[in-house]
Amino acid sequence: MKKIYFDNASTTKVDGRVLEAMLPYFDEKYGNASSQHLIGEEANFALGKSRKQIAKAIGANREEIFFTSGGTESNNLALKGLFFSNYPEKDHIITTKIEHDSILNVCKWLEKKGAKVTYLDLDKEGFINLQELEKTITDKTFLVSIIHGNNEIGTIQNLEEIGKICKEKKVLFHTDSCQSFTKTFLDVKKQNLDLVSLNSHKIHGPKGVGALYIKQGIKIIPLAHGGGHESGLRSGTENISGIVGFAKAVDIANNKDVKNMEKLRDKLIEGLLEVSNITLNGPRGNRLCNNINISFNNIEGEAIGGYLEELGIYTSTGSACMSHSLESSHVLKAIGTSPVQSNSSLRISISKFTTEEEVDYFLKEIPRIVEKLRKISPLVNKNG
């Protein structure tokens, strides 16, 4: 049976070149980067080289990159670390209703600690209103945190315009770029970014490693105290093999792969829209190159996903971080999608390894599955 993986927004296959780069740091160059002997110095050299590679990719200085266990930790460090550095003089955070749960749940937790949080509304395609953002900033605002590329509907926010507003208002700007990194333009200077969350496993690197860019001079309270690793911001022995793999994944990312993903994404969208009574969630333009989110209206997304899995096609109904929850997507709700449409949604996320043959096979099978499910759906029979 074919195995077609269309759940790359959840995680990606590790590139063979990444694995090859990592292997020596398991059994040959296995030292602790803090050790002073030769084996430790080898690890420390790899750590510094990786830091420089990732910094270069976003236009930052190597001293501004701090390694973490992934995007969730980076988001936690950014928001909690800044809150406790600024509170009680400043206590206001601005974010959106379509953030990843590692932002929204941190904000809810910080509200219990005294934070005031504004959750910006979005239009039907998932974009914020820049005028609303500007009006919401007060003299108590210390941070604006807005996701770059949304993990469910693929919307890419205009970081440059948001960054200009934040710079003029003299508030810090953080963005969660875990889904967008290497897939679209990201430059901390040109887009006036103060903090950026990154991770490895969305770009064909290993799981369990990420980074937080922090502009030089910004004060953050660390979450973990210990031996003072990562300039005292994230104590704990560095995951050298993972960090090397992360840097290699960044190094081999290229625009040719992005263009190919855009081509296959558009082919999937156009082919799906030929099926009757379905809706594209999110925009046609300014969309992540690998993201397609469709509502099949009156058919449960889980049912479609189940039939697809029987054919060896793996998709998801939303964010993998919320797969345990029976609640409708907070992202789709925020852009005005009805509960019925939300529960009928399917997220298809491709990668640089996706082939046109796989796309063709999917587009061949999906109309048959939809037709079969509509015949037996009580919602179709009830609503027409």
Protein backbone atom coordinates (compact mmCIF):
# COMPACT_ATOMS: atom_id res chain seq x y z
CA MET A 1 0.00 0.00 0.00
CA LYS A 2 1.15 3.53 -0.76
CA LYS A 3 2.23 5.73 2.16
CA ILE A 4 1.56 9.39 1.46
CA TYR A 5 2.37 11.75 4.31
CA PHE A 6 0.33 14.96 4.17
CA ASP A 7 0.75 15.99 7.82
CA ASN A 8 3.96 17.97 7.57
CA ALA A 9 2.61 20.87 9.65
CA SER A 10 2.69 18.43 12.58
CA THR A 11 6.21 17.21 11.93
CA THR A 12 8.47 16.38 9.02
CA LYS A 13 10.67 13.52 7.94
CA VAL A 14 14.31 14.09 8.89
CA ASP A 15 16.31 14.81 5.76
CA GLY A 16 19.03 12.18 5.14
CA ARG A 17 21.67 14.93 4.98
CA VAL A 18 20.55 16.15 8.39
CA LEU A 19 20.84 12.66 9.88
CA GLU A 20 24.29 12.26 8.36
CA ALA A 21 25.44 15.54 9.92
CA MET A 22 24.10 14.50 13.34
CA LEU A 23 25.58 10.99 13.58
CA PRO A 24 29.16 11.90 14.58
CA TYR A 25 27.83 13.76 17.63
CA PHE A 26 26.37 10.55 19.05
CA ASP A 27 29.46 8.31 19.00
CA GLU A 28 32.56 10.27 17.97
CA LYS A 29 32.18 13.89 18.99
CA TYR A 30 29.96 13.22 21.99
CA GLY A 31 31.48 15.71 24.41
CA ASN A 32 29.78 18.25 26.66
CA ALA A 33 30.18 21.69 25.11
CA SER A 34 31.03 23.11 28.54
CA SER A 35 34.01 20.77 29.08
CA GLN A 36 37.47 22.24 28.64
CA HIS A 37 39.17 19.22 27.03
CA LEU A 38 39.46 18.45 23.31
CA ILE A 39 36.25 16.42 22.99
CA GLY A 40 34.33 19.17 24.76
CA GLU A 41 35.91 21.78 22.52
CA GLU A 42 34.73 19.84 19.43
CA ALA A 43 31.20 19.98 20.72
CA ASN A 44 31.52 23.66 21.60
CA PHE A 45 32.83 24.44 18.11
CA ALA A 46 29.81 22.68 16.56
CA LEU A 47 27.52 24.61 18.90
CA GLY A 48 29.01 27.95 17.86
CA LYS A 49 28.97 27.07 14.16
CA SER A 50 25.30 26.03 14.36
CA ARG A 51 24.37 29.19 16.23
CA LYS A 52 26.04 31.27 13.51
CA GLN A 53 24.24 29.39 10.70
CA ILE A 54 20.81 29.88 12.22
CA ALA A 55 21.49 33.53 13.08
CA LYS A 56 22.59 34.21 9.49
CA ALA A 57 19.34 32.74 8.14
CA ILE A 58 17.27 35.45 9.88
CA GLY A 59 19.75 38.34 9.68
CA ALA A 60 20.71 38.15 13.37
CA ASN A 61 23.99 38.04 15.29
CA ARG A 62 25.10 34.69 16.69
CA GLU A 63 24.97 36.07 20.25
CA GLU A 64 21.23 36.65 19.81
CA ILE A 65 20.33 32.96 19.25
CA PHE A 66 19.46 30.86 22.30
CA PHE A 67 18.80 27.15 21.89
CA THR A 68 15.72 25.54 23.47
CA SER A 69 13.84 22.24 23.27
CA GLY A 70 11.48 23.60 20.59
CA GLY A 71 8.87 26.19 19.71
CA THR A 72 6.78 25.68 22.84
CA GLU A 73 9.69 26.37 25.16
CA SER A 74 10.78 29.35 23.05
CA ASN A 75 7.28 30.85 23.28
CA ASN A 76 7.14 30.24 27.03
CA LEU A 77 10.56 31.81 27.57
CA ALA A 78 9.67 34.85 25.48
CA LEU A 79 6.33 35.66 27.12
CA LYS A 80 6.99 34.60 30.71
CA GLY A 81 10.54 35.91 30.72
CA LEU A 82 9.46 39.34 29.46
CA PHE A 83 6.43 39.54 31.74
CA PHE A 84 8.44 38.96 34.89
CA SER A 85 11.07 41.42 33.66
CA ASN A 86 8.50 44.18 33.13
CA TYR A 87 5.85 43.55 35.81
CA PRO A 88 4.40 45.51 37.59
CA GLU A 89 5.48 48.66 35.72
CA LYS A 90 4.09 47.24 32.49
CA ASP A 91 1.57 44.40 32.40
CA HIS A 92 -0.17 44.46 28.99
CA ILE A 93 0.32 41.87 26.22
CA ILE A 94 -1.32 42.00 22.79
CA THR A 95 -1.76 38.79 20.82
CA THR A 96 -4.34 37.22 18.49
CA LYS A 97 -7.10 34.66 18.72
CA ILE A 98 -5.35 32.32 16.26
CA GLU A 99 -2.06 31.80 18.07
CA HIS A 100 -0.59 28.39 18.79
CA ASP A 101 -1.67 26.96 22.14
CA SER A 102 1.82 27.54 23.53
CA ILE A 103 1.06 31.26 23.27
CA LEU A 104 -2.62 31.25 24.23
CA ASN A 105 -2.18 28.98 27.25
CA VAL A 106 0.79 31.02 28.46
CA CYS A 107 -1.31 34.18 28.16
CA LYS A 108 -4.12 32.58 30.18
CA TRP A 109 -1.60 31.57 32.85
CA LEU A 110 -0.04 35.03 32.93
CA GLU A 111 -3.48 36.60 33.37
CA LYS A 112 -3.66 34.75 36.68
CA LYS A 113 -0.34 36.34 37.61
CA GLY A 114 -1.57 39.88 36.91
CA ALA A 115 -1.13 40.29 33.16
CA LYS A 116 -3.69 42.09 31.03
CA VAL A 117 -4.06 40.44 27.63
CA THR A 118 -5.80 41.74 24.50
CA TYR A 119 -6.72 39.07 21.93
CA LEU A 120 -7.04 40.71 18.50
CA ASP A 121 -9.84 39.74 16.14
CA LEU A 122 -9.09 38.51 12.61
CA ASP A 123 -10.82 38.86 9.27
CA LYS A 124 -12.27 35.82 7.49
CA GLU A 125 -8.86 34.93 6.03
CA GLY A 126 -7.05 35.20 9.35
CA PHE A 127 -5.35 38.58 9.01
CA ILE A 128 -5.19 41.14 11.80
CA ASN A 129 -6.35 44.73 11.40
CA LEU A 130 -3.28 46.95 11.66
CA GLN A 131 -5.32 49.97 12.77
CA GLU A 132 -6.88 47.92 15.57
CA LEU A 133 -3.43 46.82 16.69
CA GLU A 134 -2.19 50.40 16.78
CA LYS A 135 -5.20 51.58 18.81
CA THR A 136 -4.83 48.73 21.30
CA ILE A 137 -1.27 49.63 22.35
CA THR A 138 -1.12 51.60 25.62
CA ASP A 139 1.63 52.94 27.85
CA LYS A 140 1.32 49.69 29.85
CA THR A 141 1.93 47.46 26.81
CA PHE A 142 5.31 45.74 26.85
CA LEU A 143 4.80 43.09 24.18
CA VAL A 144 2.97 42.32 20.93
CA SER A 145 3.12 38.61 20.06
CA ILE A 146 1.67 37.63 16.67
CA ILE A 147 2.19 34.34 14.85
CA HIS A 148 3.91 34.64 11.48
CA GLY A 149 2.50 31.67 9.51
CA ASN A 150 -0.55 30.08 11.09
CA ASN A 151 -0.20 26.35 11.68
CA GLU A 152 -3.82 25.53 10.78
CA ILE A 153 -4.90 27.84 7.96
CA GLY A 154 -1.52 29.01 6.64
CA THR A 155 -2.13 32.77 6.88
CA ILE A 156 1.13 34.77 6.71
CA GLN A 157 0.91 38.03 8.65
CA ASN A 158 2.65 41.20 7.44
CA LEU A 159 5.50 41.29 9.97
CA GLU A 160 7.12 44.36 8.45
CA GLU A 161 4.04 46.53 8.95
CA ILE A 162 3.42 45.14 12.44
CA GLY A 163 7.07 45.72 13.27
CA LYS A 164 6.87 49.35 12.16
CA ILE A 165 3.90 49.98 14.45
CA CYS A 166 5.64 48.34 17.41
CA LYS A 167 8.84 50.28 16.80
CA GLU A 168 6.95 53.59 16.59
CA LYS A 169 5.02 52.76 19.78
CA LYS A 170 8.21 51.52 21.50
CA VAL A 171 6.84 48.10 22.42
CA LEU A 172 8.60 44.78 21.88
CA PHE A 173 7.47 42.55 19.02
CA HIS A 174 7.65 38.75 19.24
CA THR A 175 6.59 36.33 16.53
CA ASP A 176 6.15 32.57 16.54
CA SER A 177 7.80 31.59 13.25
CA CYS A 178 7.92 27.85 13.78
CA GLN A 179 5.77 27.11 10.73
CA SER A 180 7.12 29.86 8.48
CA PHE A 181 10.88 29.59 9.08
CA THR A 182 12.70 28.83 5.80
CA LYS A 183 9.36 28.80 3.94
CA THR A 184 8.94 32.56 3.59
CA PHE A 185 10.92 35.76 4.13
CA LEU A 186 12.13 36.32 7.68
CA ASP A 187 14.64 39.03 8.60
CA VAL A 188 14.80 40.42 12.13
CA LYS A 189 16.19 43.80 11.08
CA LYS A 190 14.05 44.48 8.02
CA GLN A 191 10.89 43.38 9.85
CA ASN A 192 11.75 45.08 13.17
CA LEU A 193 11.57 41.85 15.17
CA ASP A 194 12.70 41.76 18.80
CA LEU A 195 12.07 38.09 19.56
CA VAL A 196 11.45 35.13 17.23
CA SER A 197 10.58 31.53 18.11
CA LEU A 198 11.99 28.85 15.80
CA ASN A 199 12.06 25.08 15.74
CA SER A 200 13.70 22.24 13.90
CA HIS A 201 11.21 19.45 13.31
CA LYS A 202 8.96 21.48 10.97
CA ILE A 203 11.84 21.88 8.49
CA HIS A 204 13.15 18.28 8.24
CA GLY A 205 15.36 18.55 11.29
CA PRO A 206 15.18 16.50 14.51
CA LYS A 207 12.50 16.85 17.17
CA GLY A 208 13.28 18.30 20.57
CA VAL A 209 15.34 21.32 19.50
CA GLY A 210 14.47 24.92 18.72
CA ALA A 211 15.71 28.43 19.29
CA LEU A 212 14.66 31.85 20.48
CA TYR A 213 16.10 34.95 18.87
CA ILE A 214 16.38 37.78 21.40
CA LYS A 215 17.55 41.17 20.18
CA GLN A 216 20.66 42.28 21.98
CA GLY A 217 19.92 44.39 25.03
CA ILE A 218 16.50 42.92 25.85
CA LYS A 219 16.23 41.71 29.42
CA ILE A 220 14.52 38.37 30.03
CA ILE A 221 14.11 36.40 33.24
CA PRO A 222 15.17 32.76 32.64
CA LEU A 223 12.72 29.92 33.29
CA ALA A 224 15.38 27.36 34.22
CA HIS A 225 18.29 28.05 36.53
CA GLY A 226 21.39 25.94 36.72
CA GLY A 227 24.89 26.03 35.29
CA GLY A 228 24.37 29.16 33.24
CA HIS A 229 24.24 27.62 29.77
CA GLU A 230 23.03 29.75 26.83
CA SER A 231 24.36 32.90 28.50
CA GLY A 232 22.35 32.09 31.61
CA LEU A 233 19.00 32.15 29.82
CA ARG A 234 18.51 28.40 29.43
CA SER A 235 20.57 26.24 31.76
CA GLY A 236 21.10 22.58 30.90
CA THR A 237 23.58 20.65 28.80
CA GLU A 238 23.04 21.54 25.15
CA ASN A 239 21.65 18.93 22.75
CA ILE A 240 24.60 19.14 20.36
CA SER A 241 23.49 16.44 17.93
CA GLY A 242 20.03 18.02 17.70
CA ILE A 243 21.42 21.53 17.32
CA VAL A 244 23.79 20.38 14.55
CA GLY A 245 20.83 18.73 12.81
CA PHE A 246 18.76 21.90 13.17
CA ALA A 247 21.51 24.01 11.63
CA LYS A 248 21.95 21.55 8.77
CA ALA A 249 18.20 21.63 8.03
CA VAL A 250 18.40 25.43 7.86
CA ASP A 251 21.52 25.30 5.69
CA ILE A 252 19.96 23.05 3.03
CA ALA A 253 16.59 24.82 2.90
CA ASN A 254 16.19 26.60 -0.43
CA ASN A 255 13.79 28.63 -2.52
CA LYS A 256 13.53 25.95 -5.21
CA ASP A 257 11.84 23.61 -2.74
CA VAL A 258 9.51 26.42 -1.62
CA LYS A 259 8.47 27.14 -5.21
CA ASN A 260 7.78 23.47 -5.84
CA MET A 261 5.65 23.27 -2.70
CA GLU A 262 3.72 26.35 -3.80
CA LYS A 263 3.04 24.70 -7.16
CA LEU A 264 1.75 21.49 -5.54
CA ARG A 265 -0.22 23.44 -2.94
CA ASP A 266 -2.03 25.38 -5.66
CA LYS A 267 -2.70 22.19 -7.62
CA LEU A 268 -4.25 20.63 -4.51
CA ILE A 269 -6.38 23.70 -3.80
CA GLU A 270 -7.60 23.98 -7.39
CA GLY A 271 -8.38 20.26 -7.57
CA LEU A 272 -10.22 20.25 -4.25
CA LEU A 273 -12.30 23.28 -5.17
CA GLU A 274 -13.71 21.29 -8.08
CA VAL A 275 -15.48 19.10 -5.52
CA SER A 276 -18.95 20.51 -4.81
CA ASN A 277 -19.83 22.30 -1.56
CA ILE A 278 -16.39 22.75 -0.04
CA THR A 279 -14.66 25.83 1.36
CA LEU A 280 -11.01 26.86 1.49
CA ASN A 281 -10.08 28.09 4.96
CA GLY A 282 -7.51 30.86 4.94
CA PRO A 283 -6.29 33.01 2.04
CA ARG A 284 -5.29 32.09 -1.51
CA GLY A 285 -2.39 34.54 -1.40
CA ASN A 286 -0.01 35.21 1.52
CA ARG A 287 -0.34 31.57 2.52
CA LEU A 288 2.30 29.11 3.70
CA CYS A 289 3.68 27.16 0.74
CA ASN A 290 2.79 23.78 2.27
CA ASN A 291 -0.65 24.45 3.79
CA ILE A 292 -4.14 23.55 2.55
CA ASN A 293 -7.15 23.65 4.90
CA ILE A 294 -10.54 22.64 3.51
CA SER A 295 -14.03 22.36 5.01
CA PHE A 296 -16.08 19.61 3.36
CA ASN A 297 -19.34 21.02 4.81
CA ASN A 298 -21.66 18.50 6.48
CA ILE A 299 -19.09 15.67 6.51
CA GLU A 300 -16.88 15.09 9.54
CA GLY A 301 -13.21 15.74 8.85
CA GLU A 302 -12.24 12.77 11.01
CA ALA A 303 -14.32 10.47 8.81
CA ILE A 304 -12.58 11.72 5.68
CA GLY A 305 -9.22 11.34 7.39
CA GLY A 306 -10.09 7.77 8.37
CA TYR A 307 -10.99 6.78 4.81
CA LEU A 308 -7.82 8.45 3.51
CA GLU A 309 -5.71 6.55 6.03
CA GLU A 310 -7.12 3.27 4.72
CA LEU A 311 -5.57 4.31 1.39
CA GLY A 312 -2.27 5.15 3.06
CA ILE A 313 -2.81 8.92 2.98
CA TYR A 314 -2.08 10.66 6.28
CA THR A 315 -3.67 14.05 7.00
CA SER A 316 -4.99 15.84 10.08
CA THR A 317 -8.11 17.71 11.15
CA GLY A 318 -6.17 20.58 12.70
CA SER A 319 -3.19 21.20 14.95
CA ALA A 320 -1.47 18.04 16.21
CA CYS A 321 -1.13 19.72 19.60
CA MET A 322 -4.94 19.68 19.91
CA SER A 323 -5.60 16.21 18.47
CA HIS A 324 -6.64 14.93 21.92
CA SER A 325 -9.38 17.56 22.20
CA LEU A 326 -12.96 17.16 20.96
CA GLU A 327 -13.43 20.94 20.77
CA SER A 328 -13.68 22.73 17.44
CA SER A 329 -10.60 24.54 16.19
CA HIS A 330 -10.12 27.89 17.93
CA VAL A 331 -8.48 29.16 14.74
CA LEU A 332 -11.46 28.36 12.51
CA LYS A 333 -13.82 29.77 15.13
CA ALA A 334 -11.82 33.02 15.21
CA ILE A 335 -12.24 33.55 11.45
CA GLY A 336 -15.99 33.01 11.63
CA THR A 337 -16.26 29.39 10.56
CA SER A 338 -19.40 27.66 11.84
CA PRO A 339 -19.07 24.63 14.15
CA VAL A 340 -20.38 22.34 11.40
CA GLN A 341 -17.82 23.66 8.90
CA SER A 342 -15.07 23.52 11.48
CA ASN A 343 -15.75 19.88 12.30
CA SER A 344 -15.72 19.07 8.59
CA SER A 345 -12.26 20.54 8.06
CA LEU A 346 -9.16 18.72 6.90
CA ARG A 347 -5.62 20.06 6.97
CA ILE A 348 -3.35 18.82 4.21
CA SER A 349 0.27 19.87 4.66
CA ILE A 350 2.92 18.88 2.14
CA SER A 351 6.72 19.00 2.17
CA LYS A 352 9.69 19.20 -0.17
CA PHE A 353 9.47 15.41 -0.46
CA THR A 354 5.88 15.49 -1.73
CA THR A 355 5.56 14.38 -5.36
CA GLU A 356 3.11 15.31 -8.09
CA GLU A 357 2.17 11.63 -8.32
CA GLU A 358 1.07 11.70 -4.68
CA VAL A 359 -1.00 14.83 -5.28
CA ASP A 360 -2.66 13.25 -8.32
CA TYR A 361 -3.50 10.10 -6.36
CA PHE A 362 -5.05 12.14 -3.55
CA LEU A 363 -7.13 14.23 -5.97
CA LYS A 364 -8.30 11.07 -7.71
CA GLU A 365 -9.50 9.43 -4.48
CA ILE A 366 -10.97 12.35 -2.52
CA PRO A 367 -14.13 12.90 -4.66
CA ARG A 368 -15.07 9.23 -4.26
CA ILE A 369 -14.66 9.44 -0.47
CA VAL A 370 -16.66 12.66 -0.25
CA GLU A 371 -19.49 11.25 -2.37
CA LYS A 372 -19.65 8.10 -0.23
CA LEU A 373 -19.72 10.03 3.05
CA ARG A 374 -22.33 12.51 1.83
CA LYS A 375 -24.66 9.67 0.99
CA ILE A 376 -24.60 8.45 4.59
CA SER A 377 -24.18 11.78 6.42
CA PRO A 378 -27.16 12.71 8.61
CA LEU A 379 -26.10 16.37 8.31
CA VAL A 380 -26.41 16.27 4.51
CA ASN A 381 -29.81 14.59 4.74
CA LYS A 382 -30.93 17.14 7.31
CA ASN A 383 -29.46 20.32 5.82
CA GLY A 384 -29.51 19.44 2.14
